[in-house]
Amino acid sequence: MPKMEANDKFQGLCLEDRQGKDFIGKYDIMPPRIRELVRNSSFNICAACLQKEANQRARKRNLFNVTEIDYKIALKKMEDMIRKMETQ
């Protein structure tokens, strides 16, 4: 299971264990409503992981821009994955 270090309490749960906080500022373009969803999520999910998941979803649909729907579906997918990992 991905891990967080004590000094990374605001990092979020990085599902790829790549310390997304170190590079998210370079391309963080999430809309304010999506930021609010992430803040209110049951989990402290890494914004870089969410951005990557949403980008992949948009590309599969041949879109160049990520939509709010892409973010919402990616967030739900990530939350479900974490819940599944917790029950194992």
PDB file of N, CA and C in Angstrom:
ATOM      1  N   MET A   1       0.844  -1.185   0.000  1.00  0.00           N
ATOM      2  CA  MET A   1       0.000   0.000   0.000  1.00  0.00           C
ATOM      3  C   MET A   1       0.886   1.243   0.000  1.00  0.00           C
ATOM      4  N   PRO A   2       0.507   2.290  -0.724  1.00  0.00           N
ATOM      5  CA  PRO A   2       1.291   3.521  -0.726  1.00  0.00           C
ATOM      6  C   PRO A   2       1.470   4.056   0.685  1.00  0.00           C
ATOM      7  N   LYS A   3       2.552   4.771   0.882  1.00  0.00           N
ATOM      8  CA  LYS A   3       2.822   5.264   2.230  1.00  0.00           C
ATOM      9  C   LYS A   3       3.042   6.770   2.216  1.00  0.00           C
ATOM     10  N   MET A   4       2.851   7.368   3.377  1.00  0.00           N
ATOM     11  CA  MET A   4       3.118   8.787   3.560  1.00  0.00           C
ATOM     12  C   MET A   4       4.153   8.930   4.663  1.00  0.00           C
ATOM     13  N   GLU A   5       5.027   9.856   4.501  1.00  0.00           N
ATOM     14  CA  GLU A   5       5.975  10.147   5.560  1.00  0.00           C
ATOM     15  C   GLU A   5       5.363  11.170   6.497  1.00  0.00           C
ATOM     16  N   ALA A   6       5.844  11.185   7.735  1.00  0.00           N
ATOM     17  CA  ALA A   6       5.284  12.078   8.754  1.00  0.00           C
ATOM     18  C   ALA A   6       5.360  13.544   8.325  1.00  0.00           C
ATOM     19  N   ASN A   7       6.414  13.935   7.645  1.00  0.00           N
ATOM     20  CA  ASN A   7       6.562  15.342   7.255  1.00  0.00           C
ATOM     21  C   ASN A   7       5.744  15.694   6.014  1.00  0.00           C
ATOM     22  N   ASP A   8       5.018  14.747   5.478  1.00  0.00           N
ATOM     23  CA  ASP A   8       4.216  14.976   4.284  1.00  0.00           C
ATOM     24  C   ASP A   8       2.725  14.972   4.597  1.00  0.00           C
ATOM     25  N   LYS A   9       2.334  15.494   5.759  1.00  0.00           N
ATOM     26  CA  LYS A   9       0.942  15.367   6.152  1.00  0.00           C
ATOM     27  C   LYS A   9      -0.021  16.073   5.198  1.00  0.00           C
ATOM     28  N   PHE A  10       0.458  17.040   4.436  1.00  0.00           N
ATOM     29  CA  PHE A  10      -0.403  17.701   3.468  1.00  0.00           C
ATOM     30  C   PHE A  10      -0.169  17.180   2.055  1.00  0.00           C
ATOM     31  N   GLN A  11       0.708  16.227   1.903  1.00  0.00           N
ATOM     32  CA  GLN A  11       1.047  15.652   0.605  1.00  0.00           C
ATOM     33  C   GLN A  11      -0.153  14.971  -0.019  1.00  0.00           C
ATOM     34  N   GLY A  12      -0.857  14.212   0.726  1.00  0.00           N
ATOM     35  CA  GLY A  12      -1.933  13.411   0.184  1.00  0.00           C
ATOM     36  C   GLY A  12      -1.447  12.000  -0.059  1.00  0.00           C
ATOM     37  N   LEU A  13      -2.365  11.115  -0.309  1.00  0.00           N
ATOM     38  CA  LEU A  13      -2.035   9.723  -0.548  1.00  0.00           C
ATOM     39  C   LEU A  13      -1.607   9.566  -1.996  1.00  0.00           C
ATOM     40  N   CYS A  14      -0.318   9.416  -2.197  1.00  0.00           N
ATOM     41  CA  CYS A  14       0.238   9.292  -3.544  1.00  0.00           C
ATOM     42  C   CYS A  14       0.169   7.823  -3.935  1.00  0.00           C
ATOM     43  N   LEU A  15      -0.727   7.485  -4.839  1.00  0.00           N
ATOM     44  CA  LEU A  15      -0.936   6.098  -5.223  1.00  0.00           C
ATOM     45  C   LEU A  15       0.229   5.530  -6.020  1.00  0.00           C
ATOM     46  N   GLU A  16       1.070   6.386  -6.537  1.00  0.00           N
ATOM     47  CA  GLU A  16       2.236   5.923  -7.283  1.00  0.00           C
ATOM     48  C   GLU A  16       3.504   6.021  -6.447  1.00  0.00           C
ATOM     49  N   ASP A  17       3.385   6.550  -5.237  1.00  0.00           N
ATOM     50  CA  ASP A  17       4.524   6.705  -4.329  1.00  0.00           C
ATOM     51  C   ASP A  17       5.661   7.484  -4.995  1.00  0.00           C
ATOM     52  N   ARG A  18       5.288   8.564  -5.684  1.00  0.00           N
ATOM     53  CA  ARG A  18       6.282   9.372  -6.391  1.00  0.00           C
ATOM     54  C   ARG A  18       6.442  10.778  -5.820  1.00  0.00           C
ATOM     55  N   GLN A  19       5.816  11.053  -4.690  1.00  0.00           N
ATOM     56  CA  GLN A  19       5.911  12.377  -4.093  1.00  0.00           C
ATOM     57  C   GLN A  19       5.443  13.460  -5.058  1.00  0.00           C
ATOM     58  N   GLY A  20       4.190  13.355  -5.480  1.00  0.00           N
ATOM     59  CA  GLY A  20       3.611  14.291  -6.434  1.00  0.00           C
ATOM     60  C   GLY A  20       3.668  15.738  -6.000  1.00  0.00           C
ATOM     61  N   LYS A  21       3.735  15.990  -4.692  1.00  0.00           N
ATOM     62  CA  LYS A  21       3.796  17.368  -4.209  1.00  0.00           C
ATOM     63  C   LYS A  21       5.015  18.103  -4.739  1.00  0.00           C
ATOM     64  N   ASP A  22       6.046  17.367  -5.135  1.00  0.00           N
ATOM     65  CA  ASP A  22       7.276  17.994  -5.602  1.00  0.00           C
ATOM     66  C   ASP A  22       7.146  18.590  -6.997  1.00  0.00           C
ATOM     67  N   PHE A  23       6.163  18.116  -7.788  1.00  0.00           N
ATOM     68  CA  PHE A  23       6.056  18.638  -9.142  1.00  0.00           C
ATOM     69  C   PHE A  23       4.655  19.072  -9.550  1.00  0.00           C
ATOM     70  N   ILE A  24       3.658  18.921  -8.685  1.00  0.00           N
ATOM     71  CA  ILE A  24       2.282  19.250  -9.060  1.00  0.00           C
ATOM     72  C   ILE A  24       2.118  20.724  -9.432  1.00  0.00           C
ATOM     73  N   GLY A  25       2.853  21.617  -8.787  1.00  0.00           N
ATOM     74  CA  GLY A  25       2.720  23.046  -9.064  1.00  0.00           C
ATOM     75  C   GLY A  25       3.001  23.423 -10.506  1.00  0.00           C
ATOM     76  N   LYS A  26       3.741  22.586 -11.203  1.00  0.00           N
ATOM     77  CA  LYS A  26       4.095  22.887 -12.590  1.00  0.00           C
ATOM     78  C   LYS A  26       2.925  22.729 -13.551  1.00  0.00           C
ATOM     79  N   TYR A  27       1.953  21.903 -13.180  1.00  0.00           N
ATOM     80  CA  TYR A  27       0.846  21.702 -14.104  1.00  0.00           C
ATOM     81  C   TYR A  27      -0.511  21.571 -13.421  1.00  0.00           C
ATOM     82  N   ASP A  28      -0.624  22.068 -12.217  1.00  0.00           N
ATOM     83  CA  ASP A  28      -1.877  21.968 -11.480  1.00  0.00           C
ATOM     84  C   ASP A  28      -2.893  22.958 -12.039  1.00  0.00           C
ATOM     85  N   ILE A  29      -3.882  22.432 -12.733  1.00  0.00           N
ATOM     86  CA  ILE A  29      -4.898  23.285 -13.359  1.00  0.00           C
ATOM     87  C   ILE A  29      -6.307  22.834 -12.966  1.00  0.00           C
ATOM     88  N   MET A  30      -6.418  22.146 -11.839  1.00  0.00           N
ATOM     89  CA  MET A  30      -7.730  21.655 -11.433  1.00  0.00           C
ATOM     90  C   MET A  30      -8.669  22.807 -11.098  1.00  0.00           C
ATOM     91  N   PRO A  31      -9.905  22.725 -11.581  1.00  0.00           N
ATOM     92  CA  PRO A  31     -10.895  23.767 -11.283  1.00  0.00           C
ATOM     93  C   PRO A  31     -11.199  23.835  -9.781  1.00  0.00           C
ATOM     94  N   PRO A  32     -11.609  24.987  -9.292  1.00  0.00           N
ATOM     95  CA  PRO A  32     -11.911  25.140  -7.865  1.00  0.00           C
ATOM     96  C   PRO A  32     -12.933  24.133  -7.338  1.00  0.00           C
ATOM     97  N   ARG A  33     -13.944  23.803  -8.140  1.00  0.00           N
ATOM     98  CA  ARG A  33     -14.940  22.825  -7.669  1.00  0.00           C
ATOM     99  C   ARG A  33     -14.323  21.448  -7.465  1.00  0.00           C
ATOM    100  N   ILE A  34     -13.358  21.087  -8.295  1.00  0.00           N
ATOM    101  CA  ILE A  34     -12.687  19.798  -8.142  1.00  0.00           C
ATOM    102  C   ILE A  34     -11.781  19.832  -6.916  1.00  0.00           C
ATOM    103  N   ARG A  35     -11.085  20.946  -6.707  1.00  0.00           N
ATOM    104  CA  ARG A  35     -10.259  21.096  -5.494  1.00  0.00           C
ATOM    105  C   ARG A  35     -11.116  20.891  -4.247  1.00  0.00           C
ATOM    106  N   GLU A  36     -12.328  21.443  -4.265  1.00  0.00           N
ATOM    107  CA  GLU A  36     -13.233  21.294  -3.121  1.00  0.00           C
ATOM    108  C   GLU A  36     -13.622  19.831  -2.932  1.00  0.00           C
ATOM    109  N   LEU A  37     -13.893  19.127  -4.032  1.00  0.00           N
ATOM    110  CA  LEU A  37     -14.211  17.698  -3.933  1.00  0.00           C
ATOM    111  C   LEU A  37     -13.055  16.916  -3.320  1.00  0.00           C
ATOM    112  N   VAL A  38     -11.841  17.239  -3.736  1.00  0.00           N
ATOM    113  CA  VAL A  38     -10.657  16.559  -3.196  1.00  0.00           C
ATOM    114  C   VAL A  38     -10.521  16.857  -1.706  1.00  0.00           C
ATOM    115  N   ARG A  39     -10.716  18.125  -1.333  1.00  0.00           N
ATOM    116  CA  ARG A  39     -10.634  18.512   0.084  1.00  0.00           C
ATOM    117  C   ARG A  39     -11.666  17.788   0.930  1.00  0.00           C
ATOM    118  N   ASN A  40     -12.864  17.603   0.383  1.00  0.00           N
ATOM    119  CA  ASN A  40     -13.952  16.980   1.122  1.00  0.00           C
ATOM    120  C   ASN A  40     -13.992  15.465   0.971  1.00  0.00           C
ATOM    121  N   SER A  41     -13.050  14.924   0.252  1.00  0.00           N
ATOM    122  CA  SER A  41     -12.999  13.485   0.037  1.00  0.00           C
ATOM    123  C   SER A  41     -12.705  12.755   1.348  1.00  0.00           C
ATOM    124  N   SER A  42     -13.067  11.489   1.390  1.00  0.00           N
ATOM    125  CA  SER A  42     -12.776  10.655   2.557  1.00  0.00           C
ATOM    126  C   SER A  42     -11.278  10.434   2.727  1.00  0.00           C
ATOM    127  N   PHE A  43     -10.524  10.654   1.678  1.00  0.00           N
ATOM    128  CA  PHE A  43      -9.084  10.402   1.688  1.00  0.00           C
ATOM    129  C   PHE A  43      -8.335  11.662   1.245  1.00  0.00           C
ATOM    130  N   ASN A  44      -7.123  11.781   1.701  1.00  0.00           N
ATOM    131  CA  ASN A  44      -6.256  12.894   1.312  1.00  0.00           C
ATOM    132  C   ASN A  44      -5.484  12.455   0.077  1.00  0.00           C
ATOM    133  N   ILE A  45      -6.122  12.551  -1.068  1.00  0.00           N
ATOM    134  CA  ILE A  45      -5.558  12.032  -2.313  1.00  0.00           C
ATOM    135  C   ILE A  45      -4.591  13.042  -2.927  1.00  0.00           C
ATOM    136  N   CYS A  46      -3.502  12.515  -3.427  1.00  0.00           N
ATOM    137  CA  CYS A  46      -2.471  13.317  -4.083  1.00  0.00           C
ATOM    138  C   CYS A  46      -3.047  13.977  -5.339  1.00  0.00           C
ATOM    139  N   ALA A  47      -2.908  15.286  -5.419  1.00  0.00           N
ATOM    140  CA  ALA A  47      -3.442  16.028  -6.569  1.00  0.00           C
ATOM    141  C   ALA A  47      -2.759  15.617  -7.871  1.00  0.00           C
ATOM    142  N   ALA A  48      -1.479  15.294  -7.812  1.00  0.00           N
ATOM    143  CA  ALA A  48      -0.766  14.876  -9.024  1.00  0.00           C
ATOM    144  C   ALA A  48      -1.316  13.552  -9.547  1.00  0.00           C
ATOM    145  N   CYS A  49      -1.612  12.617  -8.647  1.00  0.00           N
ATOM    146  CA  CYS A  49      -2.196  11.333  -9.065  1.00  0.00           C
ATOM    147  C   CYS A  49      -3.571  11.546  -9.688  1.00  0.00           C
ATOM    148  N   LEU A  50      -4.363  12.414  -9.077  1.00  0.00           N
ATOM    149  CA  LEU A  50      -5.697  12.700  -9.611  1.00  0.00           C
ATOM    150  C   LEU A  50      -5.592  13.342 -10.989  1.00  0.00           C
ATOM    151  N   GLN A  51      -4.687  14.285 -11.129  1.00  0.00           N
ATOM    152  CA  GLN A  51      -4.488  14.956 -12.413  1.00  0.00           C
ATOM    153  C   GLN A  51      -4.090  13.942 -13.475  1.00  0.00           C
ATOM    154  N   LYS A  52      -3.177  13.048 -13.138  1.00  0.00           N
ATOM    155  CA  LYS A  52      -2.716  12.044 -14.099  1.00  0.00           C
ATOM    156  C   LYS A  52      -3.860  11.112 -14.501  1.00  0.00           C
ATOM    157  N   GLU A  53      -4.633  10.645 -13.535  1.00  0.00           N
ATOM    158  CA  GLU A  53      -5.757   9.746 -13.813  1.00  0.00           C
ATOM    159  C   GLU A  53      -6.801  10.433 -14.705  1.00  0.00           C
ATOM    160  N   ALA A  54      -7.109  11.684 -14.413  1.00  0.00           N
ATOM    161  CA  ALA A  54      -8.090  12.429 -15.210  1.00  0.00           C
ATOM    162  C   ALA A  54      -7.567  12.670 -16.626  1.00  0.00           C
ATOM    163  N   ASN A  55      -6.279  12.974 -16.751  1.00  0.00           N
ATOM    164  CA  ASN A  55      -5.681  13.170 -18.085  1.00  0.00           C
ATOM    165  C   ASN A  55      -5.770  11.901 -18.918  1.00  0.00           C
ATOM    166  N   GLN A  56      -5.495  10.759 -18.298  1.00  0.00           N
ATOM    167  CA  GLN A  56      -5.571   9.484 -19.018  1.00  0.00           C
ATOM    168  C   GLN A  56      -6.999   9.227 -19.499  1.00  0.00           C
ATOM    169  N   ARG A  57      -7.961   9.523 -18.650  1.00  0.00           N
ATOM    170  CA  ARG A  57      -9.365   9.326 -19.014  1.00  0.00           C
ATOM    171  C   ARG A  57      -9.739  10.213 -20.208  1.00  0.00           C
ATOM    172  N   ALA A  58      -9.308  11.464 -20.179  1.00  0.00           N
ATOM    173  CA  ALA A  58      -9.615  12.380 -21.284  1.00  0.00           C
ATOM    174  C   ALA A  58      -8.958  11.904 -22.587  1.00  0.00           C
ATOM    175  N   ARG A  59      -7.708  11.459 -22.498  1.00  0.00           N
ATOM    176  CA  ARG A  59      -7.011  10.992 -23.696  1.00  0.00           C
ATOM    177  C   ARG A  59      -7.685   9.773 -24.317  1.00  0.00           C
ATOM    178  N   LYS A  60      -8.218   8.896 -23.469  1.00  0.00           N
ATOM    179  CA  LYS A  60      -8.917   7.707 -23.995  1.00  0.00           C
ATOM    180  C   LYS A  60     -10.132   8.116 -24.823  1.00  0.00           C
ATOM    181  N   ARG A  61     -10.676   9.283 -24.524  1.00  0.00           N
ATOM    182  CA  ARG A  61     -11.832   9.790 -25.269  1.00  0.00           C
ATOM    183  C   ARG A  61     -11.404  10.784 -26.345  1.00  0.00           C
ATOM    184  N   ASN A  62     -10.107  10.811 -26.638  1.00  0.00           N
ATOM    185  CA  ASN A  62      -9.534  11.694 -27.662  1.00  0.00           C
ATOM    186  C   ASN A  62      -9.790  13.165 -27.377  1.00  0.00           C
ATOM    187  N   LEU A  63      -9.768  13.542 -26.111  1.00  0.00           N
ATOM    188  CA  LEU A  63      -9.922  14.948 -25.728  1.00  0.00           C
ATOM    189  C   LEU A  63      -8.569  15.515 -25.305  1.00  0.00           C
ATOM    190  N   PHE A  64      -8.355  16.778 -25.602  1.00  0.00           N
ATOM    191  CA  PHE A  64      -7.119  17.436 -25.191  1.00  0.00           C
ATOM    192  C   PHE A  64      -7.267  18.118 -23.840  1.00  0.00           C
ATOM    193  N   ASN A  65      -8.508  18.463 -23.491  1.00  0.00           N
ATOM    194  CA  ASN A  65      -8.758  19.131 -22.213  1.00  0.00           C
ATOM    195  C   ASN A  65      -9.529  18.203 -21.291  1.00  0.00           C
ATOM    196  N   VAL A  66      -9.128  18.178 -20.035  1.00  0.00           N
ATOM    197  CA  VAL A  66      -9.798  17.360 -19.034  1.00  0.00           C
ATOM    198  C   VAL A  66     -11.062  18.077 -18.577  1.00  0.00           C
ATOM    199  N   THR A  67     -12.163  17.359 -18.515  1.00  0.00           N
ATOM    200  CA  THR A  67     -13.428  17.949 -18.074  1.00  0.00           C
ATOM    201  C   THR A  67     -13.640  17.669 -16.579  1.00  0.00           C
ATOM    202  N   GLU A  68     -14.591  18.367 -15.991  1.00  0.00           N
ATOM    203  CA  GLU A  68     -14.911  18.114 -14.588  1.00  0.00           C
ATOM    204  C   GLU A  68     -15.395  16.690 -14.398  1.00  0.00           C
ATOM    205  N   ILE A  69     -16.093  16.163 -15.364  1.00  0.00           N
ATOM    206  CA  ILE A  69     -16.558  14.767 -15.292  1.00  0.00           C
ATOM    207  C   ILE A  69     -15.363  13.826 -15.206  1.00  0.00           C
ATOM    208  N   ASP A  70     -14.315  14.099 -15.998  1.00  0.00           N
ATOM    209  CA  ASP A  70     -13.107  13.276 -15.945  1.00  0.00           C
ATOM    210  C   ASP A  70     -12.518  13.274 -14.534  1.00  0.00           C
ATOM    211  N   TYR A  71     -12.454  14.462 -13.937  1.00  0.00           N
ATOM    212  CA  TYR A  71     -11.922  14.551 -12.570  1.00  0.00           C
ATOM    213  C   TYR A  71     -12.800  13.787 -11.578  1.00  0.00           C
ATOM    214  N   LYS A  72     -14.105  13.955 -11.690  1.00  0.00           N
ATOM    215  CA  LYS A  72     -15.022  13.297 -10.744  1.00  0.00           C
ATOM    216  C   LYS A  72     -14.937  11.782 -10.850  1.00  0.00           C
ATOM    217  N   ILE A  73     -14.894  11.275 -12.073  1.00  0.00           N
ATOM    218  CA  ILE A  73     -14.797   9.827 -12.262  1.00  0.00           C
ATOM    219  C   ILE A  73     -13.445   9.312 -11.781  1.00  0.00           C
ATOM    220  N   ALA A  74     -12.388  10.053 -12.057  1.00  0.00           N
ATOM    221  CA  ALA A  74     -11.054   9.660 -11.587  1.00  0.00           C
ATOM    222  C   ALA A  74     -10.996   9.651 -10.058  1.00  0.00           C
ATOM    223  N   LEU A  75     -11.583  10.656  -9.425  1.00  0.00           N
ATOM    224  CA  LEU A  75     -11.585  10.723  -7.963  1.00  0.00           C
ATOM    225  C   LEU A  75     -12.344   9.530  -7.376  1.00  0.00           C
ATOM    226  N   LYS A  76     -13.488   9.217  -7.942  1.00  0.00           N
ATOM    227  CA  LYS A  76     -14.268   8.075  -7.451  1.00  0.00           C
ATOM    228  C   LYS A  76     -13.489   6.779  -7.627  1.00  0.00           C
ATOM    229  N   LYS A  77     -12.853   6.623  -8.783  1.00  0.00           N
ATOM    230  CA  LYS A  77     -12.061   5.420  -9.051  1.00  0.00           C
ATOM    231  C   LYS A  77     -10.938   5.275  -8.023  1.00  0.00           C
ATOM    232  N   MET A  78     -10.271   6.372  -7.722  1.00  0.00           N
ATOM    233  CA  MET A  78      -9.161   6.340  -6.762  1.00  0.00           C
ATOM    234  C   MET A  78      -9.671   6.038  -5.352  1.00  0.00           C
ATOM    235  N   GLU A  79     -10.781   6.650  -4.963  1.00  0.00           N
ATOM    236  CA  GLU A  79     -11.359   6.377  -3.643  1.00  0.00           C
ATOM    237  C   GLU A  79     -11.758   4.910  -3.522  1.00  0.00           C
ATOM    238  N   ASP A  80     -12.371   4.376  -4.571  1.00  0.00           N
ATOM    239  CA  ASP A  80     -12.764   2.963  -4.565  1.00  0.00           C
ATOM    240  C   ASP A  80     -11.546   2.053  -4.449  1.00  0.00           C
ATOM    241  N   MET A  81     -10.467   2.405  -5.148  1.00  0.00           N
ATOM    242  CA  MET A  81      -9.247   1.618  -5.091  1.00  0.00           C
ATOM    243  C   MET A  81      -8.664   1.621  -3.672  1.00  0.00           C
ATOM    244  N   ILE A  82      -8.685   2.776  -3.027  1.00  0.00           N
ATOM    245  CA  ILE A  82      -8.150   2.882  -1.662  1.00  0.00           C
ATOM    246  C   ILE A  82      -9.015   2.069  -0.700  1.00  0.00           C
ATOM    247  N   ARG A  83     -10.325   2.173  -0.846  1.00  0.00           N
ATOM    248  CA  ARG A  83     -11.229   1.384   0.015  1.00  0.00           C
ATOM    249  C   ARG A  83     -10.962  -0.110  -0.141  1.00  0.00           C
ATOM    250  N   LYS A  84     -10.754  -0.538  -1.380  1.00  0.00           N
ATOM    251  CA  LYS A  84     -10.476  -1.949  -1.635  1.00  0.00           C
ATOM    252  C   LYS A  84      -9.157  -2.363  -0.990  1.00  0.00           C
ATOM    253  N   MET A  85      -8.132  -1.507  -1.086  1.00  0.00           N
ATOM    254  CA  MET A  85      -6.841  -1.805  -0.471  1.00  0.00           C
ATOM    255  C   MET A  85      -6.953  -1.891   1.036  1.00  0.00           C
ATOM    256  N   GLU A  86      -7.796  -1.061   1.619  1.00  0.00           N
ATOM    257  CA  GLU A  86      -7.967  -1.051   3.074  1.00  0.00           C
ATOM    258  C   GLU A  86      -8.654  -2.314   3.586  1.00  0.00           C
ATOM    259  N   THR A  87      -9.499  -2.928   2.770  1.00  0.00           N
ATOM    260  CA  THR A  87     -10.223  -4.115   3.219  1.00  0.00           C
ATOM    261  C   THR A  87      -9.432  -5.397   3.005  1.00  0.00           C
ATOM    262  N   GLN A  88      -8.313  -5.314   2.332  1.00  0.00           N
ATOM    263  CA  GLN A  88      -7.496  -6.518   2.097  1.00  0.00           C
ATOM    264  C   GLN A  88      -6.621  -6.827   3.275  1.00  0.00           C
TER     265      GLN A  88
END
